[in-house]
Amino acid sequence: QAEQLAKCEVSRKLKDLDGYGSITLPECVCTIFHTSGCDTQTVVYNNGSTEYGLFQINNKIWCRDNQNLHSKNICGISCDSSWMMTLLMTLC
């Protein structure tokens, strides 16, 4: 289910990740805002790859889709962003 989130909403949902990997919550929210506009269904086609969702997960490295069957798929996930909404809902 697609959802357009406000910056404050993203911040509330990700508050427990503040400082994870030395990334502050404001940095994370800023990155999400500027890469996806806080839209969970954002898809960007970028130089032969496709980037998905809030975090713009790339299909060449991080996830697998039907467009790039040779993805490294480091995260072992589908590029379908429904898992991302599940993650955000559990962080609330």
N, C-alpha and C. Protein backbone atom coordinates (compact mmCIF):
# COMPACT_ATOMS: atom_id res chain seq x y z
N GLN A 1 0.84 -1.17 0.00
CA GLN A 1 0.00 0.00 0.00
C GLN A 1 0.89 1.24 0.00
N ALA A 2 0.70 2.10 -0.99
CA ALA A 2 1.50 3.31 -1.11
C ALA A 2 1.11 4.31 -0.04
N GLU A 3 2.10 5.06 0.39
CA GLU A 3 1.83 6.08 1.39
C GLU A 3 2.78 7.24 1.20
N GLN A 4 2.23 8.45 1.20
CA GLN A 4 3.03 9.66 1.16
C GLN A 4 3.18 10.13 2.61
N LEU A 5 4.39 10.14 3.11
CA LEU A 5 4.64 10.48 4.50
C LEU A 5 5.18 11.90 4.62
N ALA A 6 4.83 12.56 5.71
CA ALA A 6 5.41 13.87 6.01
C ALA A 6 6.76 13.65 6.68
N LYS A 7 7.63 14.66 6.63
CA LYS A 7 8.96 14.52 7.24
C LYS A 7 8.86 14.18 8.73
N CYS A 8 7.94 14.81 9.43
CA CYS A 8 7.78 14.54 10.87
C CYS A 8 7.34 13.10 11.10
N GLU A 9 6.51 12.57 10.21
CA GLU A 9 6.05 11.20 10.33
C GLU A 9 7.21 10.22 10.12
N VAL A 10 8.04 10.49 9.11
CA VAL A 10 9.22 9.67 8.86
C VAL A 10 10.13 9.71 10.07
N SER A 11 10.31 10.90 10.62
CA SER A 11 11.17 11.07 11.79
C SER A 11 10.65 10.27 12.98
N ARG A 12 9.35 10.33 13.23
CA ARG A 12 8.76 9.57 14.35
C ARG A 12 8.95 8.07 14.14
N LYS A 13 8.75 7.59 12.92
CA LYS A 13 8.84 6.16 12.65
C LYS A 13 10.28 5.65 12.75
N LEU A 14 11.25 6.51 12.47
CA LEU A 14 12.64 6.08 12.47
C LEU A 14 13.43 6.53 13.70
N LYS A 15 12.75 7.10 14.69
CA LYS A 15 13.45 7.68 15.84
C LYS A 15 14.37 6.70 16.56
N ASP A 16 14.00 5.42 16.58
CA ASP A 16 14.84 4.43 17.27
C ASP A 16 16.13 4.11 16.52
N LEU A 17 16.22 4.55 15.28
CA LEU A 17 17.42 4.30 14.49
C LEU A 17 18.41 5.47 14.57
N ASP A 18 18.07 6.51 15.31
CA ASP A 18 18.96 7.67 15.44
C ASP A 18 20.33 7.23 15.93
N GLY A 19 21.35 7.56 15.18
CA GLY A 19 22.72 7.23 15.55
C GLY A 19 23.18 5.87 15.03
N TYR A 20 22.27 5.10 14.43
CA TYR A 20 22.65 3.79 13.90
C TYR A 20 23.66 3.99 12.77
N GLY A 21 24.79 3.32 12.86
CA GLY A 21 25.83 3.47 11.84
C GLY A 21 26.37 4.88 11.76
N SER A 22 26.33 5.61 12.86
CA SER A 22 26.80 7.00 12.95
C SER A 22 26.00 7.96 12.08
N ILE A 23 24.79 7.58 11.70
CA ILE A 23 23.93 8.46 10.92
C ILE A 23 22.87 9.02 11.84
N THR A 24 22.78 10.33 11.88
CA THR A 24 21.79 10.96 12.75
C THR A 24 20.40 10.90 12.12
N LEU A 25 19.39 11.02 12.94
CA LEU A 25 18.02 11.01 12.45
C LEU A 25 17.78 12.15 11.45
N PRO A 26 18.23 13.38 11.72
CA PRO A 26 18.03 14.43 10.71
C PRO A 26 18.70 14.12 9.37
N GLU A 27 19.87 13.49 9.40
CA GLU A 27 20.54 13.11 8.15
C GLU A 27 19.71 12.07 7.39
N CYS A 28 19.18 11.11 8.12
CA CYS A 28 18.38 10.05 7.51
C CYS A 28 17.10 10.64 6.90
N VAL A 29 16.39 11.47 7.64
CA VAL A 29 15.16 12.08 7.15
C VAL A 29 15.45 12.98 5.95
N CYS A 30 16.53 13.73 6.01
CA CYS A 30 16.91 14.60 4.89
C CYS A 30 17.19 13.77 3.63
N THR A 31 17.90 12.67 3.79
CA THR A 31 18.21 11.80 2.66
C THR A 31 16.93 11.22 2.07
N ILE A 32 16.05 10.73 2.92
CA ILE A 32 14.78 10.17 2.45
C ILE A 32 13.98 11.24 1.70
N PHE A 33 13.90 12.44 2.26
CA PHE A 33 13.13 13.51 1.63
C PHE A 33 13.67 13.85 0.25
N HIS A 34 14.99 13.96 0.14
CA HIS A 34 15.57 14.38 -1.14
C HIS A 34 15.69 13.25 -2.16
N THR A 35 15.65 12.00 -1.73
CA THR A 35 15.74 10.90 -2.70
C THR A 35 14.38 10.41 -3.15
N SER A 36 13.39 10.40 -2.24
CA SER A 36 12.09 9.84 -2.59
C SER A 36 10.92 10.77 -2.32
N GLY A 37 11.18 11.93 -1.74
CA GLY A 37 10.08 12.82 -1.40
C GLY A 37 9.18 12.24 -0.32
N CYS A 38 9.70 11.27 0.45
CA CYS A 38 8.95 10.58 1.52
C CYS A 38 7.78 9.77 0.97
N ASP A 39 7.88 9.36 -0.29
CA ASP A 39 6.84 8.57 -0.94
C ASP A 39 7.30 7.12 -0.99
N THR A 40 6.54 6.23 -0.36
CA THR A 40 6.94 4.82 -0.27
C THR A 40 6.93 4.11 -1.62
N GLN A 41 6.26 4.66 -2.61
CA GLN A 41 6.16 4.02 -3.93
C GLN A 41 7.04 4.67 -4.99
N THR A 42 7.95 5.54 -4.59
CA THR A 42 8.83 6.20 -5.56
C THR A 42 9.69 5.18 -6.29
N VAL A 43 9.71 5.28 -7.61
CA VAL A 43 10.57 4.45 -8.45
C VAL A 43 11.32 5.40 -9.37
N VAL A 44 12.66 5.30 -9.34
CA VAL A 44 13.50 6.17 -10.16
C VAL A 44 14.37 5.29 -11.06
N TYR A 45 14.34 5.60 -12.35
CA TYR A 45 15.18 4.90 -13.32
C TYR A 45 16.44 5.73 -13.48
N ASN A 46 17.60 5.14 -13.18
CA ASN A 46 18.83 5.91 -13.07
C ASN A 46 19.99 5.15 -13.72
N ASN A 47 20.41 5.58 -14.89
CA ASN A 47 21.58 5.00 -15.57
C ASN A 47 21.57 3.48 -15.64
N GLY A 48 20.47 2.91 -16.09
CA GLY A 48 20.40 1.47 -16.27
C GLY A 48 20.02 0.68 -15.03
N SER A 49 19.74 1.34 -13.95
CA SER A 49 19.26 0.65 -12.75
C SER A 49 17.95 1.29 -12.31
N THR A 50 17.29 0.63 -11.39
CA THR A 50 16.03 1.15 -10.87
C THR A 50 16.15 1.23 -9.35
N GLU A 51 15.66 2.32 -8.78
CA GLU A 51 15.72 2.54 -7.34
C GLU A 51 14.31 2.63 -6.79
N TYR A 52 14.08 2.00 -5.66
CA TYR A 52 12.73 1.82 -5.14
C TYR A 52 12.53 2.40 -3.74
N GLY A 53 11.34 2.98 -3.53
CA GLY A 53 10.85 3.32 -2.21
C GLY A 53 11.53 4.48 -1.51
N LEU A 54 11.22 4.60 -0.23
CA LEU A 54 11.75 5.70 0.59
C LEU A 54 13.26 5.80 0.53
N PHE A 55 13.93 4.66 0.61
CA PHE A 55 15.38 4.65 0.70
C PHE A 55 16.06 4.49 -0.65
N GLN A 56 15.26 4.42 -1.73
CA GLN A 56 15.78 4.26 -3.08
C GLN A 56 16.76 3.08 -3.16
N ILE A 57 16.27 1.92 -2.75
CA ILE A 57 17.03 0.68 -2.78
C ILE A 57 17.26 0.30 -4.24
N ASN A 58 18.51 0.10 -4.62
CA ASN A 58 18.91 -0.10 -6.00
C ASN A 58 18.85 -1.57 -6.42
N ASN A 59 18.33 -1.83 -7.63
CA ASN A 59 18.17 -3.20 -8.09
C ASN A 59 19.45 -3.82 -8.65
N LYS A 60 20.53 -3.09 -8.73
CA LYS A 60 21.80 -3.68 -9.16
C LYS A 60 22.55 -4.29 -7.97
N ILE A 61 22.35 -3.71 -6.80
CA ILE A 61 23.14 -4.13 -5.65
C ILE A 61 22.28 -4.67 -4.51
N TRP A 62 21.26 -3.95 -4.10
CA TRP A 62 20.59 -4.23 -2.84
C TRP A 62 19.40 -5.16 -2.91
N CYS A 63 18.66 -5.16 -4.02
CA CYS A 63 17.45 -5.98 -4.10
C CYS A 63 17.31 -6.57 -5.50
N ARG A 64 16.36 -7.47 -5.66
CA ARG A 64 16.14 -8.13 -6.95
C ARG A 64 14.74 -7.81 -7.47
N ASP A 65 14.66 -7.56 -8.77
CA ASP A 65 13.37 -7.37 -9.44
C ASP A 65 13.39 -8.13 -10.76
N ASN A 66 12.32 -8.01 -11.51
CA ASN A 66 12.23 -8.70 -12.80
C ASN A 66 13.05 -8.03 -13.89
N GLN A 67 13.54 -6.83 -13.65
CA GLN A 67 14.31 -6.09 -14.66
C GLN A 67 15.79 -6.44 -14.62
N ASN A 68 16.30 -6.77 -13.46
CA ASN A 68 17.74 -7.03 -13.32
C ASN A 68 17.93 -8.36 -12.60
N LEU A 69 17.94 -9.41 -13.36
CA LEU A 69 18.04 -10.75 -12.77
C LEU A 69 19.45 -11.07 -12.29
N HIS A 70 20.41 -10.21 -12.61
CA HIS A 70 21.80 -10.43 -12.19
C HIS A 70 22.20 -9.53 -11.02
N SER A 71 21.21 -9.04 -10.30
CA SER A 71 21.48 -8.20 -9.14
C SER A 71 22.33 -8.95 -8.12
N LYS A 72 23.19 -8.22 -7.42
CA LYS A 72 23.94 -8.82 -6.32
C LYS A 72 22.99 -9.18 -5.18
N ASN A 73 21.88 -8.45 -5.06
CA ASN A 73 20.84 -8.70 -4.07
C ASN A 73 21.44 -8.92 -2.67
N ILE A 74 22.30 -8.01 -2.27
CA ILE A 74 23.00 -8.11 -0.99
C ILE A 74 22.04 -8.26 0.19
N CYS A 75 20.89 -7.57 0.12
CA CYS A 75 19.94 -7.64 1.23
C CYS A 75 19.06 -8.88 1.17
N GLY A 76 19.09 -9.59 0.04
CA GLY A 76 18.27 -10.79 -0.08
C GLY A 76 16.78 -10.50 -0.06
N ILE A 77 16.38 -9.38 -0.69
CA ILE A 77 14.98 -8.97 -0.67
C ILE A 77 14.48 -8.66 -2.08
N SER A 78 13.18 -8.65 -2.22
CA SER A 78 12.56 -8.20 -3.45
C SER A 78 12.56 -6.67 -3.44
N CYS A 79 12.62 -6.08 -4.61
CA CYS A 79 12.59 -4.62 -4.69
C CYS A 79 11.19 -4.06 -4.43
N ASP A 80 10.20 -4.92 -4.33
CA ASP A 80 8.84 -4.50 -4.00
C ASP A 80 8.89 -3.76 -2.67
N SER A 81 8.35 -2.57 -2.63
CA SER A 81 8.50 -1.75 -1.42
C SER A 81 7.51 -2.10 -0.31
N SER A 82 6.71 -3.14 -0.46
CA SER A 82 5.75 -3.47 0.60
C SER A 82 6.48 -3.86 1.89
N TRP A 83 7.66 -4.46 1.79
CA TRP A 83 8.42 -4.82 2.99
C TRP A 83 8.84 -3.57 3.75
N MET A 84 9.07 -2.47 2.98
CA MET A 84 9.49 -1.22 3.61
C MET A 84 8.38 -0.64 4.48
N MET A 85 7.14 -0.72 3.98
CA MET A 85 6.02 -0.21 4.79
C MET A 85 5.85 -1.07 6.03
N THR A 86 6.02 -2.37 5.90
CA THR A 86 5.94 -3.25 7.07
C THR A 86 6.98 -2.86 8.10
N LEU A 87 8.21 -2.61 7.64
CA LEU A 87 9.27 -2.18 8.53
C LEU A 87 8.90 -0.89 9.24
N LEU A 88 8.43 0.10 8.49
CA LEU A 88 8.08 1.38 9.10
C LEU A 88 6.94 1.24 10.11
N MET A 89 5.98 0.40 9.81
CA MET A 89 4.86 0.22 10.72
C MET A 89 5.31 -0.45 12.03
N THR A 90 6.29 -1.35 11.95
CA THR A 90 6.75 -2.01 13.17
C THR A 90 7.61 -1.10 14.01
N LEU A 91 8.18 -0.06 13.40
CA LEU A 91 9.01 0.88 14.16
C LEU A 91 8.19 1.92 14.91
N CYS A 92 6.90 2.01 14.63
CA CYS A 92 6.05 3.03 15.27
C CYS A 92 5.91 2.76 16.76
